[in-house]
Amino acid sequence: MRHPIRVTGSLALAGLLTLTVPPPVARAATGAFVYHTAPGTVRHGLSDPVEGQCYAVGYAQGVTGNETDRNAYLYDTPDCRGAAAYFPAGFYGVQSFQSVVFMR
C-alpha cells in the first residue's frame, strides 16, 4: 500500500467531518393551510406546516385553501401513501382528502 499515513489521515478527516456536519433540518412552510371536515363546517388549519411531514386531517371535504409558500399533495389515505393530488401554493378549491404533505 502506498503512503499509509496519507490514507489514514484521509480516513480520519472523513470521520471527523461525518461527526461534525449537522443533519439536514426540516424547514417549515410559511402560512396556513385551511380545510373543512364537511361542507359548511368549522374551518380547520395547519399553521406553518413542516416540509415533508405527513399530516393526517381526518376526512376533509369542502373548501380547501393553501395559503402557504409550499405546494401541497393531498392523499385519500391517512398516511400520505398512494396517489396524490397536487394542490399548489396560493390555491383554493373544493377537495376531499385524508392527509397532506408539503414540498418545495
C-alpha atoms as a PDB file:
ATOM      1  CA  MET A   1       0.000   0.000   0.000  1.00  0.00           C
ATOM      2  CA  ARG A   2       1.379   3.388  -0.910  1.00  0.00           C
ATOM      3  CA  HIS A   3       1.587   6.136   1.654  1.00  0.00           C
ATOM      4  CA  PRO A   4      -0.280   4.513   4.561  1.00  0.00           C
ATOM      5  CA  ILE A   5      -0.059   7.710   6.624  1.00  0.00           C
ATOM      6  CA  ARG A   6      -1.783   9.735   3.894  1.00  0.00           C
ATOM      7  CA  VAL A   7      -4.602   7.152   3.620  1.00  0.00           C
ATOM      8  CA  THR A   8      -5.021   7.016   7.401  1.00  0.00           C
ATOM      9  CA  GLY A   9      -5.093  10.814   7.594  1.00  0.00           C
ATOM     10  CA  SER A  10      -7.739  10.994   4.865  1.00  0.00           C
ATOM     11  CA  LEU A  11      -9.899   8.436   6.650  1.00  0.00           C
ATOM     12  CA  ALA A  12      -9.547  10.307   9.940  1.00  0.00           C
ATOM     13  CA  LEU A  13     -10.559  13.574   8.261  1.00  0.00           C
ATOM     14  CA  ALA A  14     -13.598  11.915   6.650  1.00  0.00           C
ATOM     15  CA  GLY A  15     -14.643  10.507  10.026  1.00  0.00           C
ATOM     16  CA  LEU A  16     -14.249  13.897  11.691  1.00  0.00           C
ATOM     17  CA  LEU A  17     -16.380  15.595   9.023  1.00  0.00           C
ATOM     18  CA  THR A  18     -19.067  12.937   9.436  1.00  0.00           C
ATOM     19  CA  LEU A  19     -19.262  13.690  13.154  1.00  0.00           C
ATOM     20  CA  THR A  20     -19.249  17.489  12.844  1.00  0.00           C
ATOM     21  CA  VAL A  21     -21.622  18.141   9.921  1.00  0.00           C
ATOM     22  CA  PRO A  22     -25.170  18.602  11.256  1.00  0.00           C
ATOM     23  CA  PRO A  23     -28.006  16.617   9.669  1.00  0.00           C
ATOM     24  CA  PRO A  24     -30.342  18.469   7.305  1.00  0.00           C
ATOM     25  CA  VAL A  25     -33.016  20.472   9.087  1.00  0.00           C
ATOM     26  CA  ALA A  26     -36.680  20.194   8.121  1.00  0.00           C
ATOM     27  CA  ARG A  27     -37.989  23.567   7.076  1.00  0.00           C
ATOM     28  CA  ALA A  28     -41.443  24.850   7.814  1.00  0.00           C
ATOM     29  CA  ALA A  29     -43.708  26.320   5.210  1.00  0.00           C
ATOM     30  CA  THR A  30     -44.772  29.880   5.903  1.00  0.00           C
ATOM     31  CA  GLY A  31     -48.504  30.472   6.091  1.00  0.00           C
ATOM     32  CA  ALA A  32     -51.603  28.405   6.753  1.00  0.00           C
ATOM     33  CA  PHE A  33     -53.353  25.501   5.087  1.00  0.00           C
ATOM     34  CA  VAL A  34     -57.106  25.620   5.703  1.00  0.00           C
ATOM     35  CA  TYR A  35     -59.740  22.907   5.228  1.00  0.00           C
ATOM     36  CA  HIS A  36     -63.158  21.714   6.418  1.00  0.00           C
ATOM     37  CA  THR A  37     -64.220  18.256   7.603  1.00  0.00           C
ATOM     38  CA  ALA A  38     -67.607  18.646   5.896  1.00  0.00           C
ATOM     39  CA  PRO A  39     -69.085  21.318   3.642  1.00  0.00           C
ATOM     40  CA  GLY A  40     -70.210  24.260   5.769  1.00  0.00           C
ATOM     41  CA  THR A  41     -68.495  23.083   8.971  1.00  0.00           C
ATOM     42  CA  VAL A  42     -65.926  24.832  11.129  1.00  0.00           C
ATOM     43  CA  ARG A  43     -62.715  25.777   9.357  1.00  0.00           C
ATOM     44  CA  HIS A  44     -59.568  23.897  10.457  1.00  0.00           C
ATOM     45  CA  GLY A  45     -55.997  24.873   9.741  1.00  0.00           C
ATOM     46  CA  LEU A  46     -52.334  23.951   9.854  1.00  0.00           C
ATOM     47  CA  SER A  47     -50.042  26.903  10.616  1.00  0.00           C
ATOM     48  CA  ASP A  48     -46.502  26.870   9.225  1.00  0.00           C
ATOM     49  CA  PRO A  49     -46.518  23.103   8.488  1.00  0.00           C
ATOM     50  CA  VAL A  50     -43.160  21.298   8.385  1.00  0.00           C
ATOM     51  CA  GLU A  51     -41.996  20.448   4.880  1.00  0.00           C
ATOM     52  CA  GLY A  52     -42.026  16.696   4.177  1.00  0.00           C
ATOM     53  CA  GLN A  53     -44.120  15.770   7.228  1.00  0.00           C
ATOM     54  CA  CYS A  54     -47.398  13.899   6.718  1.00  0.00           C
ATOM     55  CA  TYR A  55     -50.423  15.485   8.406  1.00  0.00           C
ATOM     56  CA  ALA A  56     -53.476  13.262   8.927  1.00  0.00           C
ATOM     57  CA  VAL A  57     -56.551  15.518   8.938  1.00  0.00           C
ATOM     58  CA  GLY A  58     -59.429  13.063   9.257  1.00  0.00           C
ATOM     59  CA  TYR A  59     -61.971  13.154   6.457  1.00  0.00           C
ATOM     60  CA  ALA A  60     -61.535  16.622   4.982  1.00  0.00           C
ATOM     61  CA  GLN A  61     -64.008  17.747   2.351  1.00  0.00           C
ATOM     62  CA  GLY A  62     -65.158  21.054   1.021  1.00  0.00           C
ATOM     63  CA  VAL A  63     -63.353  24.342   0.525  1.00  0.00           C
ATOM     64  CA  THR A  64     -59.598  23.959   0.974  1.00  0.00           C
ATOM     65  CA  GLY A  65     -57.002  26.719   0.775  1.00  0.00           C
ATOM     66  CA  ASN A  66     -53.244  26.508   0.540  1.00  0.00           C
ATOM     67  CA  GLU A  67     -52.077  29.852   1.919  1.00  0.00           C
ATOM     68  CA  THR A  68     -48.512  28.530   2.425  1.00  0.00           C
ATOM     69  CA  ASP A  69     -45.418  29.094   0.309  1.00  0.00           C
ATOM     70  CA  ARG A  70     -45.110  25.338  -0.411  1.00  0.00           C
ATOM     71  CA  ASN A  71     -47.047  23.080  -2.758  1.00  0.00           C
ATOM     72  CA  ALA A  72     -49.332  20.588  -1.033  1.00  0.00           C
ATOM     73  CA  TYR A  73     -50.016  16.990  -2.022  1.00  0.00           C
ATOM     74  CA  LEU A  74     -53.381  15.620  -0.886  1.00  0.00           C
ATOM     75  CA  TYR A  75     -53.931  11.898  -0.254  1.00  0.00           C
ATOM     76  CA  ASP A  76     -57.050   9.748   0.060  1.00  0.00           C
ATOM     77  CA  THR A  77     -55.311   7.752   2.808  1.00  0.00           C
ATOM     78  CA  PRO A  78     -54.474   8.857   6.390  1.00  0.00           C
ATOM     79  CA  ASP A  79     -50.735   8.120   5.964  1.00  0.00           C
ATOM     80  CA  CYS A  80     -49.758  10.033   2.785  1.00  0.00           C
ATOM     81  CA  ARG A  81     -49.484   6.848   0.714  1.00  0.00           C
ATOM     82  CA  GLY A  82     -50.738   6.130  -2.761  1.00  0.00           C
ATOM     83  CA  ALA A  83     -51.623   8.609  -5.481  1.00  0.00           C
ATOM     84  CA  ALA A  84     -51.556  12.287  -4.542  1.00  0.00           C
ATOM     85  CA  ALA A  85     -53.449  15.287  -5.861  1.00  0.00           C
ATOM     86  CA  TYR A  86     -51.262  18.343  -6.486  1.00  0.00           C
ATOM     87  CA  PHE A  87     -52.524  21.459  -4.690  1.00  0.00           C
ATOM     88  CA  PRO A  88     -50.247  24.443  -5.456  1.00  0.00           C
ATOM     89  CA  ALA A  89     -49.281  27.240  -3.082  1.00  0.00           C
ATOM     90  CA  GLY A  90     -51.811  30.075  -3.098  1.00  0.00           C
ATOM     91  CA  PHE A  91     -54.613  27.886  -4.493  1.00  0.00           C
ATOM     92  CA  TYR A  92     -58.193  27.423  -3.242  1.00  0.00           C
ATOM     93  CA  GLY A  93     -60.553  24.674  -4.346  1.00  0.00           C
ATOM     94  CA  VAL A  94     -63.102  22.086  -3.252  1.00  0.00           C
ATOM     95  CA  GLN A  95     -61.303  18.887  -2.227  1.00  0.00           C
ATOM     96  CA  SER A  96     -61.753  15.577  -0.399  1.00  0.00           C
ATOM     97  CA  PHE A  97     -58.687  14.046   1.282  1.00  0.00           C
ATOM     98  CA  GLN A  98     -57.405  12.425   4.493  1.00  0.00           C
ATOM     99  CA  SER A  99     -53.786  13.569   4.691  1.00  0.00           C
ATOM    100  CA  VAL A 100     -51.479  16.214   3.273  1.00  0.00           C
ATOM    101  CA  VAL A 101     -47.742  16.763   2.863  1.00  0.00           C
ATOM    102  CA  PHE A 102     -45.981  19.999   1.856  1.00  0.00           C
ATOM    103  CA  MET A 103     -42.998  20.131  -0.506  1.00  0.00           C
ATOM    104  CA  ARG A 104     -40.960  22.816  -2.210  1.00  0.00           C
END
